[in-house]
Protein backbone atom coordinates (compact mmCIF):
# COMPACT_ATOMS: atom_id res chain seq x y z
CA MET A 1 72.45 133.74 94.73
CA GLY A 2 75.60 131.67 94.24
CA HIS A 3 75.93 127.93 94.49
CA ARG A 4 77.63 126.07 97.30
CA ILE A 5 81.34 125.58 96.55
CA THR A 6 83.12 122.28 97.19
CA THR A 7 84.45 123.23 100.63
CA GLN A 8 80.91 124.08 101.80
CA ALA A 9 79.46 120.86 100.45
CA ARG A 10 82.24 118.82 102.03
CA GLY A 11 81.77 120.54 105.37
CA LYS A 12 78.02 119.89 105.32
CA GLY A 13 78.59 116.21 104.58
CA GLY A 14 76.53 113.76 102.58
CA PRO A 15 76.93 110.55 100.60
CA THR A 16 79.15 112.19 98.00
CA TYR A 17 81.83 113.01 100.59
CA ARG A 18 81.35 109.99 102.87
CA ALA A 19 83.72 107.03 102.55
CA PRO A 20 81.79 103.80 101.69
CA SER A 21 82.77 102.10 104.94
CA HIS A 22 79.87 99.66 104.62
CA ARG A 23 81.92 97.96 101.91
CA TYR A 24 85.09 97.65 103.98
CA LYS A 25 85.94 94.21 105.40
CA ALA A 26 87.54 95.01 108.73
CA GLU A 27 89.40 97.53 110.82
CA LEU A 28 92.97 96.26 110.68
CA ARG A 29 94.31 96.40 114.25
CA HIS A 30 97.03 94.57 116.12
CA ILE A 31 95.18 92.08 118.33
CA GLY A 32 95.87 91.61 122.03
CA ASN A 33 98.35 93.89 123.83
CA ASP A 34 102.09 94.22 124.42
CA THR A 35 102.01 91.71 127.29
CA GLN A 36 100.26 88.87 125.49
CA LYS A 37 101.49 86.36 122.92
CA ILE A 38 98.99 85.22 120.30
CA THR A 39 99.66 82.80 117.45
CA GLY A 40 97.74 82.41 114.21
CA THR A 41 97.94 80.82 110.75
CA VAL A 42 97.33 82.66 107.47
CA ILE A 43 94.47 80.86 105.69
CA ASP A 44 93.72 83.29 102.85
CA ILE A 45 94.88 86.46 101.09
CA GLU A 46 92.01 88.79 100.09
CA HIS A 47 91.30 92.17 98.53
CA ASP A 48 89.90 94.94 100.72
CA PRO A 49 88.00 97.80 99.03
CA ALA A 50 89.24 100.08 101.81
CA ARG A 51 92.89 99.98 100.71
CA ASN A 52 95.23 99.22 97.84
CA ALA A 53 97.25 96.63 99.77
CA PRO A 54 95.97 93.08 100.17
CA ILE A 55 94.88 91.76 103.57
CA ALA A 56 95.32 88.32 105.14
CA LEU A 57 92.68 86.27 106.89
CA VAL A 58 94.31 84.69 109.96
CA LYS A 59 92.93 81.85 112.05
CA LEU A 60 93.98 82.10 115.71
CA GLU A 61 94.71 79.25 118.10
CA ASP A 62 91.25 79.62 119.73
CA GLY A 63 89.50 79.35 116.36
CA LYS A 64 88.72 83.04 115.91
CA LYS A 65 89.46 84.65 112.54
CA VAL A 66 90.92 88.14 112.15
CA TYR A 67 92.27 90.26 109.28
CA MET A 68 95.75 91.74 109.19
CA LEU A 69 97.82 93.84 106.79
CA VAL A 70 99.88 91.68 104.43
CA THR A 71 103.65 92.15 104.16
CA GLU A 72 105.67 91.22 101.07
CA GLY A 73 106.44 87.52 100.98
CA LEU A 74 103.73 86.46 103.46
CA GLY A 75 101.79 83.46 102.13
CA ILE A 76 99.01 81.06 102.99
CA GLY A 77 99.93 78.49 105.66
CA GLU A 78 102.50 80.65 107.44
CA VAL A 79 102.40 80.91 111.23
CA ILE A 80 102.67 84.43 112.67
CA ILE A 81 102.59 85.85 116.18
CA TRP A 82 101.56 89.01 118.00
CA GLY A 83 103.48 89.63 121.21
CA SER A 84 106.05 91.59 123.14
CA SER A 85 108.89 89.34 121.97
CA GLY A 86 109.52 86.49 119.61
CA GLU A 87 111.27 85.59 116.39
CA VAL A 88 112.10 88.56 114.20
CA LYS A 89 110.35 87.14 111.13
CA ASN A 90 108.37 88.62 108.28
CA GLY A 91 104.75 89.08 109.36
CA ASN A 92 105.33 88.89 113.12
CA THR A 93 104.22 91.80 115.29
CA LEU A 94 106.54 92.70 118.18
CA THR A 95 107.25 95.61 120.48
CA LEU A 96 109.79 98.10 119.14
CA GLN A 97 112.21 97.45 122.00
CA ASN A 98 112.58 93.83 120.73
CA ILE A 99 113.06 94.68 117.05
CA PRO A 100 116.74 95.02 116.02
CA THR A 101 118.10 98.22 114.52
CA GLY A 102 118.00 98.21 110.72
CA THR A 103 114.84 96.10 110.48
CA PHE A 104 112.08 97.09 108.05
CA ILE A 105 108.73 97.51 109.81
CA CYS A 106 105.19 98.71 109.09
CA ASN A 107 101.82 99.28 110.79
CA ILE A 108 103.38 101.09 113.79
CA GLU A 109 101.41 102.03 116.85
CA ALA A 110 101.36 105.72 117.81
CA ARG A 111 100.82 104.75 121.46
CA PRO A 112 101.06 101.35 123.13
CA ASN A 113 98.14 99.07 122.23
CA ASP A 114 96.27 101.51 119.95
CA GLY A 115 96.23 98.92 117.15
CA GLY A 116 98.58 100.51 114.59
CA LYS A 117 98.42 103.97 112.94
CA PHE A 118 101.52 104.66 110.84
CA VAL A 119 103.05 103.13 107.65
CA ARG A 120 100.07 101.18 106.33
CA SER A 121 99.91 102.15 102.64
CA SER A 122 100.90 99.70 99.90
CA GLY A 123 104.63 99.29 99.29
CA VAL A 124 105.85 101.48 102.14
CA GLN A 125 108.16 100.68 105.04
CA ALA A 126 109.92 102.34 107.95
CA VAL A 127 113.28 101.42 109.51
CA VAL A 128 114.39 101.13 113.13
CA VAL A 129 117.39 103.43 113.37
CA ASP A 130 118.10 104.11 117.04
CA LYS A 131 117.18 103.21 120.62
CA ILE A 132 117.57 105.52 123.65
CA GLU A 133 116.28 104.34 127.07
CA ASP A 134 112.52 103.92 126.69
CA ARG A 135 112.31 105.48 123.16
CA VAL A 136 112.92 104.04 119.73
CA GLY A 137 113.78 106.15 116.68
CA ILE A 138 112.06 105.18 113.42
CA ARG A 139 112.93 106.58 109.98
CA MET A 140 109.54 107.09 108.35
CA PRO A 141 108.83 106.74 104.62
CA SER A 142 109.07 110.54 104.35
CA GLY A 143 112.68 110.36 105.53
CA LYS A 144 111.91 112.03 108.85
CA THR A 145 112.95 110.30 112.08
CA LYS A 146 110.12 109.93 114.58
CA TRP A 147 110.46 108.70 118.15
CA PHE A 148 108.05 106.12 119.66
CA ASN A 149 107.47 104.55 123.05
CA HIS A 150 109.47 101.31 123.25
CA ARG A 151 106.26 99.42 124.13
CA CYS A 152 104.57 100.34 120.82
CA ARG A 153 104.18 97.37 118.45
CA ALA A 154 104.99 97.10 114.77
CA THR A 155 104.83 94.41 112.09
CA ILE A 156 108.08 93.10 110.62
CA GLY A 157 108.31 93.62 106.86
CA ILE A 158 107.22 95.85 103.99
CA VAL A 159 103.55 96.40 103.19
CA ALA A 160 102.57 94.37 100.09
CA GLY A 161 101.32 96.00 96.91
CA GLY A 162 104.43 98.01 96.05
CA GLY A 163 104.65 99.61 92.62
CA ARG A 164 100.96 100.41 92.50
CA VAL A 165 101.48 104.06 91.60
CA GLU A 166 103.80 103.16 88.71
CA LYS A 167 100.95 101.70 86.67
CA PRO A 168 99.00 104.36 84.76
CA PHE A 169 95.18 104.53 84.95
CA VAL A 170 95.07 104.62 81.08
CA LYS A 171 91.37 105.49 80.95
CA ALA A 172 89.03 107.68 82.96
CA GLY A 173 86.81 104.74 83.92
CA ASN A 174 89.60 103.18 85.98
CA LYS A 175 90.19 106.47 87.76
CA TYR A 176 86.44 106.85 88.40
CA HIS A 177 86.15 103.45 90.11
CA LYS A 178 89.29 104.11 92.18
CA MET A 179 87.85 107.42 93.42
CA GLN A 180 84.55 105.75 94.35
CA ASN A 181 86.30 104.14 97.29
CA THR A 182 87.45 107.46 98.71
CA ALA A 183 85.64 110.26 100.49
CA SER A 184 86.12 112.68 97.58
CA ASN A 185 84.25 114.09 94.61
CA TRP A 186 85.71 113.34 91.17
CA PRO A 187 86.30 114.80 88.66
CA ARG A 188 87.22 118.10 90.27
CA VAL A 189 86.56 121.26 88.35
CA ARG A 190 88.96 124.22 88.58
CA GLY A 191 87.50 127.26 90.27
CA VAL A 192 88.73 129.62 87.52
CA ALA A 193 86.78 127.56 84.99
CA MET A 194 83.46 128.22 86.78
CA ASN A 195 81.00 131.04 86.47
CA VAL A 196 81.25 134.01 88.78
CA ILE A 197 78.22 132.88 90.89
CA ASP A 198 79.70 129.39 91.40
CA HIS A 199 83.11 130.18 92.81
CA PRO A 200 85.09 133.16 94.15
CA PHE A 201 87.66 132.58 91.36
CA GLY A 202 85.06 132.24 88.62
CA GLY A 203 84.12 134.62 85.80
CA GLY A 204 86.09 137.17 83.90
CA GLY A 205 87.21 137.63 80.30
CA HIS A 206 89.88 134.96 80.75
CA GLN A 207 90.61 132.32 83.38
CA HIS A 208 92.26 134.08 86.33
CA THR A 209 91.55 134.24 90.08
CA GLY A 210 90.91 138.00 90.12
CA ARG A 211 91.60 138.23 93.86
CA PRO A 212 94.31 137.19 96.32
CA LYS A 213 94.52 133.41 96.67
CA THR A 214 95.75 133.53 100.26
CA VAL A 215 92.86 133.66 102.74
CA ALA A 216 92.64 133.60 106.52
CA ARG A 217 91.68 130.50 108.49
CA GLY A 218 88.56 132.20 109.84
CA THR A 219 87.22 133.29 106.44
CA SER A 220 83.55 132.52 105.81
CA PRO A 221 82.91 129.05 104.28
CA GLY A 222 81.96 130.58 100.94
CA ARG A 223 85.39 132.22 100.63
CA THR A 224 87.63 129.48 102.06
CA VAL A 225 89.40 128.65 98.75
CA GLY A 226 92.97 128.93 97.56
CA HIS A 227 95.91 128.94 99.98
CA VAL A 228 94.11 128.76 103.31
CA ALA A 229 96.11 130.14 106.24
CA ALA A 230 99.35 129.91 104.23
CA ARG A 231 102.49 130.05 106.36
CA ARG A 232 104.36 131.86 103.66
CA THR A 233 103.88 133.23 100.14
CA GLY A 234 106.10 134.08 97.22
CA LYS A 235 108.87 132.25 95.46
CA SER A 236 110.91 129.84 97.57
CA ARG A 237 114.56 130.93 97.70
CA LYS A 238 116.62 128.18 99.23
């Protein structure tokens, strides 16, 4: 009898494939809603194991403390706001309808008041490029233009921590500790390097798949490897 392959183990779940959320500091959400105006002061910049960008501890007017995503240039002692309108300043969170065209933004809401879903990774930013009636066009980090409801909120600025991917890991230990904070199993062994009982691509006199790599979406869990439900195959001729 063969062993469980990675896709089966991941589907079953377990501590190996579960993100260590018990170590994370907070769920970074825009506070309030698009009709309120809340002011706070940055009192500390901290590391969060959940992400590669730093986070800021903010003390609100009522004394409560919340965490937020840090933008480049934001420092301790700065006053920031969450609201529908206000000064277009680094770190402030405003509705898209009140952010001028050409402004760099991050932590964009997918729907009004959902807390922020897009452009949250270290060093990334989006740009407000167009406004039509109740929609706002945003050029995403991928280069694609995406349209949002004008009441969605976003933070002014670029997410801090840019240049992270330019630094090499140098040694396997650094890579190991980085992968410990993700819901993944590392190192990952190639299927063709396994024995025939361990993987559909395993075995043989030399390392080769020995079968088509394109499989259907509904294939049994033990065979769901390779190019699953591929839209196309063959060499790309542009």
